[in-house]
Each structure stands twice: as structure tokens, then as C-alpha cells.
């Protein structure tokens, strides 16, 4: 017996669009496509895409602790010596 509680609610988007959104989000989550490509595929602007990423709990900046530490320790005001 199929329980109706297991069926995702379709909140205003046609099933085809919702499916496309889910597939694109999963490709992004797995690192197959970039945020820019994902927003392009979904035909939405970057601002709306960032909101969508929030909805799916995907961080806008995906760094390891080590990468973040390196970024924070960079001297961004260091003059380039030619």
C-alpha cells in the first residue's frame, strides 16, 4: 500500500520542472556542474539560484577547512614586487 505521506508535494511547479530542478541540484552537489551552469540550465538568475541552493542546504562556498584557512591567511594587501 502506498502511503500518501511519502509522495513529495508539488509546490506550484509542474512535475517536469521540479524533476529538472532536482537533477540539476544533484549534479551541482556532486560537483559535476558549476553554480553558473546550474543557474543557466534552470534559466534563473544567480540571486534566485543562491536562494534555491539555500533551500537544498547547499553552501554557496564549498571549501575544506584547510582551503578556508589558506584563504583567510592570505595577505590581500601585499604589493606585487616586479
PDB file of N, CA and C in Angstrom:
ATOM      1  N   UNK A   1       0.836  -1.182   0.000  1.00  0.00           N
ATOM      2  CA  UNK A   1       0.000   0.000   0.000  1.00  0.00           C
ATOM      3  C   UNK A   1       0.883   1.248   0.000  1.00  0.00           C
ATOM      4  N   UNK A   2       0.603   2.179  -0.881  1.00  0.00           N
ATOM      5  CA  UNK A   2       1.373   3.417  -0.996  1.00  0.00           C
ATOM      6  C   UNK A   2       0.842   4.436  -0.006  1.00  0.00           C
ATOM      7  N   UNK A   3       1.735   4.956   0.799  1.00  0.00           N
ATOM      8  CA  UNK A   3       1.355   5.963   1.790  1.00  0.00           C
ATOM      9  C   UNK A   3       1.490   7.348   1.167  1.00  0.00           C
ATOM     10  N   UNK A   4       0.456   8.142   1.242  1.00  0.00           N
ATOM     11  CA  UNK A   4       0.465   9.481   0.650  1.00  0.00           C
ATOM     12  C   UNK A   4       1.495  10.404   1.290  1.00  0.00           C
ATOM     13  N   UNK A   5       1.938  10.092   2.503  1.00  0.00           N
ATOM     14  CA  UNK A   5       2.929  10.936   3.172  1.00  0.00           C
ATOM     15  C   UNK A   5       4.291  10.857   2.512  1.00  0.00           C
ATOM     16  N   UNK A   6       4.559   9.812   1.730  1.00  0.00           N
ATOM     17  CA  UNK A   6       5.855   9.639   1.081  1.00  0.00           C
ATOM     18  C   UNK A   6       5.937  10.327  -0.267  1.00  0.00           C
ATOM     19  N   UNK A   7       4.842  10.838  -0.765  1.00  0.00           N
ATOM     20  CA  UNK A   7       4.821  11.490  -2.064  1.00  0.00           C
ATOM     21  C   UNK A   7       5.156  12.969  -1.870  1.00  0.00           C
ATOM     22  N   UNK A   8       6.224  13.453  -2.547  1.00  0.00           N
ATOM     23  CA  UNK A   8       6.591  14.864  -2.385  1.00  0.00           C
ATOM     24  C   UNK A   8       5.474  15.785  -2.876  1.00  0.00           C
ATOM     25  N   UNK A   9       5.311  16.871  -2.179  1.00  0.00           N
ATOM     26  CA  UNK A   9       4.309  17.864  -2.570  1.00  0.00           C
ATOM     27  C   UNK A   9       4.828  18.666  -3.752  1.00  0.00           C
ATOM     28  N   UNK A  10       3.967  18.924  -4.712  1.00  0.00           N
ATOM     29  CA  UNK A  10       4.316  19.730  -5.873  1.00  0.00           C
ATOM     30  C   UNK A  10       3.883  21.155  -5.571  1.00  0.00           C
ATOM     31  N   UNK A  11       4.827  21.991  -5.158  1.00  0.00           N
ATOM     32  CA  UNK A  11       4.514  23.349  -4.709  1.00  0.00           C
ATOM     33  C   UNK A  11       4.553  24.336  -5.862  1.00  0.00           C
ATOM     34  N   UNK A  12       3.589  24.255  -6.743  1.00  0.00           N
ATOM     35  CA  UNK A  12       3.452  25.249  -7.786  1.00  0.00           C
ATOM     36  C   UNK A  12       4.211  24.984  -9.066  1.00  0.00           C
ATOM     37  N   UNK A  13       5.187  24.102  -9.054  1.00  0.00           N
ATOM     38  CA  UNK A  13       5.952  23.825 -10.264  1.00  0.00           C
ATOM     39  C   UNK A  13       5.451  22.541 -10.906  1.00  0.00           C
ATOM     40  N   UNK A  14       5.343  22.528 -12.224  1.00  0.00           N
ATOM     41  CA  UNK A  14       4.990  21.283 -12.902  1.00  0.00           C
ATOM     42  C   UNK A  14       6.031  20.209 -12.594  1.00  0.00           C
ATOM     43  N   UNK A  15       5.610  18.971 -12.624  1.00  0.00           N
ATOM     44  CA  UNK A  15       6.491  17.859 -12.269  1.00  0.00           C
ATOM     45  C   UNK A  15       7.768  17.845 -13.101  1.00  0.00           C
ATOM     46  N   UNK A  16       7.654  18.148 -14.389  1.00  0.00           N
ATOM     47  CA  UNK A  16       8.834  18.143 -15.257  1.00  0.00           C
ATOM     48  C   UNK A  16       9.859  19.182 -14.789  1.00  0.00           C
ATOM     49  N   UNK A  17       9.391  20.378 -14.436  1.00  0.00           N
ATOM     50  CA  UNK A  17      10.308  21.422 -13.960  1.00  0.00           C
ATOM     51  C   UNK A  17      10.908  21.056 -12.618  1.00  0.00           C
ATOM     52  N   UNK A  18      10.110  20.489 -11.739  1.00  0.00           N
ATOM     53  CA  UNK A  18      10.600  20.095 -10.421  1.00  0.00           C
ATOM     54  C   UNK A  18      11.653  18.987 -10.555  1.00  0.00           C
ATOM     55  N   UNK A  19      11.428  18.059 -11.477  1.00  0.00           N
ATOM     56  CA  UNK A  19      12.389  16.980 -11.727  1.00  0.00           C
ATOM     57  C   UNK A  19      13.704  17.544 -12.254  1.00  0.00           C
ATOM     58  N   UNK A  20      13.604  18.490 -13.189  1.00  0.00           N
ATOM     59  CA  UNK A  20      14.800  19.121 -13.754  1.00  0.00           C
ATOM     60  C   UNK A  20      15.576  19.830 -12.649  1.00  0.00           C
ATOM     61  N   UNK A  21      14.858  20.551 -11.790  1.00  0.00           N
ATOM     62  CA  UNK A  21      15.489  21.256 -10.678  1.00  0.00           C
ATOM     63  C   UNK A  21      16.249  20.267  -9.794  1.00  0.00           C
ATOM     64  N   UNK A  22      15.615  19.154  -9.460  1.00  0.00           N
ATOM     65  CA  UNK A  22      16.245  18.164  -8.599  1.00  0.00           C
ATOM     66  C   UNK A  22      17.500  17.580  -9.242  1.00  0.00           C
ATOM     67  N   UNK A  23      17.419  17.253 -10.521  1.00  0.00           N
ATOM     68  CA  UNK A  23      18.575  16.671 -11.225  1.00  0.00           C
ATOM     69  C   UNK A  23      19.736  17.666 -11.272  1.00  0.00           C
ATOM     70  N   UNK A  24      19.442  18.913 -11.609  1.00  0.00           N
ATOM     71  CA  UNK A  24      20.489  19.934 -11.683  1.00  0.00           C
ATOM     72  C   UNK A  24      21.120  20.153 -10.308  1.00  0.00           C
ATOM     73  N   UNK A  25      20.311  20.201  -9.265  1.00  0.00           N
ATOM     74  CA  UNK A  25      20.829  20.381  -7.911  1.00  0.00           C
ATOM     75  C   UNK A  25      21.732  19.212  -7.517  1.00  0.00           C
ATOM     76  N   UNK A  26      21.347  18.005  -7.876  1.00  0.00           N
ATOM     77  CA  UNK A  26      22.181  16.839  -7.556  1.00  0.00           C
ATOM     78  C   UNK A  26      23.494  16.863  -8.332  1.00  0.00           C
ATOM     79  N   UNK A  27      23.453  17.296  -9.590  1.00  0.00           N
ATOM     80  CA  UNK A  27      24.697  17.425 -10.365  1.00  0.00           C
ATOM     81  C   UNK A  27      25.620  18.449  -9.730  1.00  0.00           C
ATOM     82  N   UNK A  28      25.048  19.545  -9.252  1.00  0.00           N
ATOM     83  CA  UNK A  28      25.829  20.565  -8.559  1.00  0.00           C
ATOM     84  C   UNK A  28      26.403  20.005  -7.268  1.00  0.00           C
ATOM     85  N   UNK A  29      25.575  19.339  -6.487  1.00  0.00           N
ATOM     86  CA  UNK A  29      26.005  18.785  -5.199  1.00  0.00           C
ATOM     87  C   UNK A  29      27.171  17.810  -5.369  1.00  0.00           C
ATOM     88  N   UNK A  30      27.168  17.054  -6.481  1.00  0.00           N
ATOM     89  CA  UNK A  30      28.227  16.075  -6.749  1.00  0.00           C
ATOM     90  C   UNK A  30      29.437  16.684  -7.448  1.00  0.00           C
ATOM     91  N   UNK A  31      29.370  17.989  -7.762  1.00  0.00           N
ATOM     92  CA  UNK A  31      30.497  18.670  -8.379  1.00  0.00           C
ATOM     93  C   UNK A  31      30.631  18.429  -9.872  1.00  0.00           C
ATOM     94  N   UNK A  32      29.579  17.925 -10.501  1.00  0.00           N
ATOM     95  CA  UNK A  32      29.609  17.653 -11.937  1.00  0.00           C
ATOM     96  C   UNK A  32      29.470  18.943 -12.737  1.00  0.00           C
ATOM     97  N   UNK A  33      28.688  19.888 -12.218  1.00  0.00           N
ATOM     98  CA  UNK A  33      28.493  21.177 -12.890  1.00  0.00           C
ATOM     99  C   UNK A  33      28.734  22.308 -11.903  1.00  0.00           C
ATOM    100  N   UNK A  34      29.001  23.496 -12.429  1.00  0.00           N
ATOM    101  CA  UNK A  34      29.245  24.682 -11.598  1.00  0.00           C
ATOM    102  C   UNK A  34      27.921  25.352 -11.237  1.00  0.00           C
ATOM    103  N   UNK A  35      27.999  26.299 -10.312  1.00  0.00           N
ATOM    104  CA  UNK A  35      26.814  27.073  -9.950  1.00  0.00           C
ATOM    105  C   UNK A  35      26.301  27.867 -11.142  1.00  0.00           C
ATOM    106  N   UNK A  36      27.218  28.425 -11.909  1.00  0.00           N
ATOM    107  CA  UNK A  36      26.821  29.201 -13.089  1.00  0.00           C
ATOM    108  C   UNK A  36      26.089  28.351 -14.111  1.00  0.00           C
ATOM    109  N   UNK A  37      26.628  27.146 -14.359  1.00  0.00           N
ATOM    110  CA  UNK A  37      25.995  26.241 -15.316  1.00  0.00           C
ATOM    111  C   UNK A  37      24.635  25.790 -14.795  1.00  0.00           C
ATOM    112  N   UNK A  38      24.539  25.530 -13.516  1.00  0.00           N
ATOM    113  CA  UNK A  38      23.273  25.101 -12.924  1.00  0.00           C
ATOM    114  C   UNK A  38      22.209  26.192 -13.061  1.00  0.00           C
ATOM    115  N   UNK A  39      22.575  27.435 -12.773  1.00  0.00           N
ATOM    116  CA  UNK A  39      21.597  28.523 -12.898  1.00  0.00           C
ATOM    117  C   UNK A  39      21.204  28.727 -14.359  1.00  0.00           C
ATOM    118  N   UNK A  40      22.153  28.512 -15.262  1.00  0.00           N
ATOM    119  CA  UNK A  40      21.866  28.608 -16.695  1.00  0.00           C
ATOM    120  C   UNK A  40      20.887  27.504 -17.121  1.00  0.00           C
ATOM    121  N   UNK A  41      21.125  26.289 -16.681  1.00  0.00           N
ATOM    122  CA  UNK A  41      20.248  25.173 -17.037  1.00  0.00           C
ATOM    123  C   UNK A  41      18.825  25.370 -16.506  1.00  0.00           C
ATOM    124  N   UNK A  42      18.732  25.958 -15.313  1.00  0.00           N
ATOM    125  CA  UNK A  42      17.415  26.198 -14.717  1.00  0.00           C
ATOM    126  C   UNK A  42      16.782  27.503 -15.193  1.00  0.00           C
ATOM    127  N   UNK A  43      17.553  28.261 -15.967  1.00  0.00           N
ATOM    128  CA  UNK A  43      17.079  29.520 -16.529  1.00  0.00           C
ATOM    129  C   UNK A  43      16.603  30.498 -15.454  1.00  0.00           C
ATOM    130  N   UNK A  44      17.447  30.620 -14.407  1.00  0.00           N
ATOM    131  CA  UNK A  44      17.173  31.583 -13.342  1.00  0.00           C
ATOM    132  C   UNK A  44      18.439  32.391 -13.088  1.00  0.00           C
ATOM    133  N   UNK A  45      18.274  33.589 -12.519  1.00  0.00           N
ATOM    134  CA  UNK A  45      19.442  34.422 -12.247  1.00  0.00           C
ATOM    135  C   UNK A  45      20.198  33.898 -11.030  1.00  0.00           C
ATOM    136  N   UNK A  46      21.413  34.407 -10.855  1.00  0.00           N
ATOM    137  CA  UNK A  46      22.282  33.911  -9.781  1.00  0.00           C
ATOM    138  C   UNK A  46      21.683  34.144  -8.391  1.00  0.00           C
ATOM    139  N   UNK A  47      21.013  35.270  -8.207  1.00  0.00           N
ATOM    140  CA  UNK A  47      20.401  35.566  -6.913  1.00  0.00           C
ATOM    141  C   UNK A  47      19.347  34.510  -6.569  1.00  0.00           C
ATOM    142  N   UNK A  48      18.464  34.225  -7.526  1.00  0.00           N
ATOM    143  CA  UNK A  48      17.436  33.205  -7.300  1.00  0.00           C
ATOM    144  C   UNK A  48      18.062  31.830  -7.115  1.00  0.00           C
ATOM    145  N   UNK A  49      19.172  31.586  -7.821  1.00  0.00           N
ATOM    146  CA  UNK A  49      19.843  30.301  -7.681  1.00  0.00           C
ATOM    147  C   UNK A  49      20.449  30.142  -6.294  1.00  0.00           C
ATOM    148  N   UNK A  50      21.024  31.205  -5.751  1.00  0.00           N
ATOM    149  CA  UNK A  50      21.567  31.140  -4.391  1.00  0.00           C
ATOM    150  C   UNK A  50      20.462  30.834  -3.385  1.00  0.00           C
ATOM    151  N   UNK A  51      19.286  31.412  -3.595  1.00  0.00           N
ATOM    152  CA  UNK A  51      18.147  31.092  -2.728  1.00  0.00           C
ATOM    153  C   UNK A  51      17.751  29.622  -2.864  1.00  0.00           C
ATOM    154  N   UNK A  52      17.798  29.102  -4.076  1.00  0.00           N
ATOM    155  CA  UNK A  52      17.473  27.695  -4.307  1.00  0.00           C
ATOM    156  C   UNK A  52      18.500  26.791  -3.619  1.00  0.00           C
ATOM    157  N   UNK A  53      19.764  27.175  -3.685  1.00  0.00           N
ATOM    158  CA  UNK A  53      20.807  26.405  -3.009  1.00  0.00           C
ATOM    159  C   UNK A  53      20.547  26.372  -1.505  1.00  0.00           C
ATOM    160  N   UNK A  54      20.102  27.481  -0.954  1.00  0.00           N
ATOM    161  CA  UNK A  54      19.768  27.542   0.471  1.00  0.00           C
ATOM    162  C   UNK A  54      18.644  26.562   0.784  1.00  0.00           C
ATOM    163  N   UNK A  55      17.656  26.528  -0.090  1.00  0.00           N
ATOM    164  CA  UNK A  55      16.512  25.613   0.087  1.00  0.00           C
ATOM    165  C   UNK A  55      16.979  24.162   0.173  1.00  0.00           C
ATOM    166  N   UNK A  56      18.000  23.810  -0.604  1.00  0.00           N
ATOM    167  CA  UNK A  56      18.521  22.441  -0.640  1.00  0.00           C
ATOM    168  C   UNK A  56      19.734  22.245   0.275  1.00  0.00           C
ATOM    169  N   UNK A  57      20.020  23.222   1.118  1.00  0.00           N
ATOM    170  CA  UNK A  57      21.146  23.153   2.069  1.00  0.00           C
ATOM    171  C   UNK A  57      22.486  22.922   1.382  1.00  0.00           C
ATOM    172  N   UNK A  58      22.716  23.635   0.294  1.00  0.00           N
ATOM    173  CA  UNK A  58      23.990  23.562  -0.413  1.00  0.00           C
ATOM    174  C   UNK A  58      24.732  24.872  -0.153  1.00  0.00           C
ATOM    175  N   UNK A  59      25.948  24.797   0.401  1.00  0.00           N
ATOM    176  CA  UNK A  59      26.684  26.033   0.683  1.00  0.00           C
ATOM    177  C   UNK A  59      27.096  26.753  -0.604  1.00  0.00           C
ATOM    178  N   UNK A  60      27.048  28.074  -0.569  1.00  0.00           N
ATOM    179  CA  UNK A  60      27.437  28.872  -1.737  1.00  0.00           C
ATOM    180  C   UNK A  60      28.946  28.780  -1.969  1.00  0.00           C
ATOM    181  N   UNK A  61      29.698  28.632  -0.898  1.00  0.00           N
ATOM    182  CA  UNK A  61      31.145  28.484  -0.988  1.00  0.00           C
ATOM    183  C   UNK A  61      31.487  27.122  -0.420  1.00  0.00           C
ATOM    184  N   UNK A  62      32.095  26.299  -1.234  1.00  0.00           N
ATOM    185  CA  UNK A  62      32.395  24.930  -0.825  1.00  0.00           C
ATOM    186  C   UNK A  62      33.902  24.758  -0.707  1.00  0.00           C
ATOM    187  N   UNK A  63      34.406  24.876   0.527  1.00  0.00           N
ATOM    188  CA  UNK A  63      35.838  24.764   0.779  1.00  0.00           C
ATOM    189  C   UNK A  63      36.077  23.807   1.936  1.00  0.00           C
ATOM    190  N   UNK A  64      37.220  23.161   1.889  1.00  0.00           N
ATOM    191  CA  UNK A  64      37.637  22.365   3.043  1.00  0.00           C
ATOM    192  C   UNK A  64      38.130  23.328   4.119  1.00  0.00           C
ATOM    193  N   UNK A  65      38.276  22.833   5.328  1.00  0.00           N
ATOM    194  CA  UNK A  65      38.802  23.675   6.405  1.00  0.00           C
ATOM    195  C   UNK A  65      40.184  24.214   6.056  1.00  0.00           C
ATOM    196  N   UNK A  66      40.997  23.369   5.431  1.00  0.00           N
ATOM    197  CA  UNK A  66      42.357  23.776   5.061  1.00  0.00           C
ATOM    198  C   UNK A  66      42.323  24.879   4.002  1.00  0.00           C
ATOM    199  N   UNK A  67      41.461  24.737   2.990  1.00  0.00           N
ATOM    200  CA  UNK A  67      41.345  25.761   1.944  1.00  0.00           C
ATOM    201  C   UNK A  67      40.874  27.084   2.531  1.00  0.00           C
ATOM    202  N   UNK A  68      39.916  27.030   3.455  1.00  0.00           N
ATOM    203  CA  UNK A  68      39.421  28.243   4.092  1.00  0.00           C
ATOM    204  C   UNK A  68      40.524  28.911   4.904  1.00  0.00           C
ATOM    205  N   UNK A  69      41.276  28.129   5.643  1.00  0.00           N
ATOM    206  CA  UNK A  69      42.377  28.675   6.433  1.00  0.00           C
ATOM    207  C   UNK A  69      43.401  29.368   5.537  1.00  0.00           C
ATOM    208  N   UNK A  70      43.738  28.745   4.396  1.00  0.00           N
ATOM    209  CA  UNK A  70      44.686  29.339   3.459  1.00  0.00           C
ATOM    210  C   UNK A  70      44.146  30.660   2.901  1.00  0.00           C
ATOM    211  N   UNK A  71      42.883  30.684   2.577  1.00  0.00           N
ATOM    212  CA  UNK A  71      42.267  31.920   2.064  1.00  0.00           C
ATOM    213  C   UNK A  71      42.327  33.025   3.108  1.00  0.00           C
ATOM    214  N   UNK A  72      41.998  32.684   4.349  1.00  0.00           N
ATOM    215  CA  UNK A  72      41.974  33.687   5.409  1.00  0.00           C
ATOM    216  C   UNK A  72      43.359  34.186   5.780  1.00  0.00           C
ATOM    217  N   UNK A  73      44.375  33.368   5.549  1.00  0.00           N
ATOM    218  CA  UNK A  73      45.744  33.752   5.891  1.00  0.00           C
ATOM    219  C   UNK A  73      46.466  34.483   4.761  1.00  0.00           C
ATOM    220  N   UNK A  74      45.849  34.609   3.608  1.00  0.00           N
ATOM    221  CA  UNK A  74      46.488  35.327   2.501  1.00  0.00           C
ATOM    222  C   UNK A  74      46.547  36.814   2.812  1.00  0.00           C
ATOM    223  N   UNK A  75      47.665  37.400   2.439  1.00  0.00           N
ATOM    224  CA  UNK A  75      47.825  38.844   2.606  1.00  0.00           C
ATOM    225  C   UNK A  75      47.317  39.509   1.331  1.00  0.00           C
ATOM    226  N   UNK A  76      46.066  39.964   1.365  1.00  0.00           N
ATOM    227  CA  UNK A  76      45.473  40.525   0.152  1.00  0.00           C
ATOM    228  C   UNK A  76      45.981  41.931  -0.160  1.00  0.00           C
ATOM    229  N   UNK A  77      46.651  42.533   0.803  1.00  0.00           N
ATOM    230  CA  UNK A  77      47.167  43.891   0.571  1.00  0.00           C
ATOM    231  C   UNK A  77      48.646  43.894   0.222  1.00  0.00           C
ATOM    232  N   UNK A  78      49.225  42.717   0.096  1.00  0.00           N
ATOM    233  CA  UNK A  78      50.641  42.601  -0.230  1.00  0.00           C
ATOM    234  C   UNK A  78      50.876  43.136  -1.642  1.00  0.00           C
ATOM    235  N   UNK A  79      51.818  44.053  -1.754  1.00  0.00           N
ATOM    236  CA  UNK A  79      52.119  44.625  -3.062  1.00  0.00           C
ATOM    237  C   UNK A  79      52.931  43.625  -3.866  1.00  0.00           C
ATOM    238  N   UNK A  80      52.606  43.581  -5.143  1.00  0.00           N
ATOM    239  CA  UNK A  80      53.334  42.691  -6.036  1.00  0.00           C
ATOM    240  C   UNK A  80      54.671  43.313  -6.364  1.00  0.00           C
ATOM    241  N   UNK A  81      55.723  42.538  -6.212  1.00  0.00           N
ATOM    242  CA  UNK A  81      57.086  43.024  -6.500  1.00  0.00           C
ATOM    243  C   UNK A  81      57.411  42.630  -7.932  1.00  0.00           C
ATOM    244  N   UNK A  82      57.734  43.621  -8.758  1.00  0.00           N
ATOM    245  CA  UNK A  82      58.064  43.333 -10.163  1.00  0.00           C
ATOM    246  C   UNK A  82      59.533  43.336 -10.385  1.00  0.00           C
TER     247      UNK A  82
END
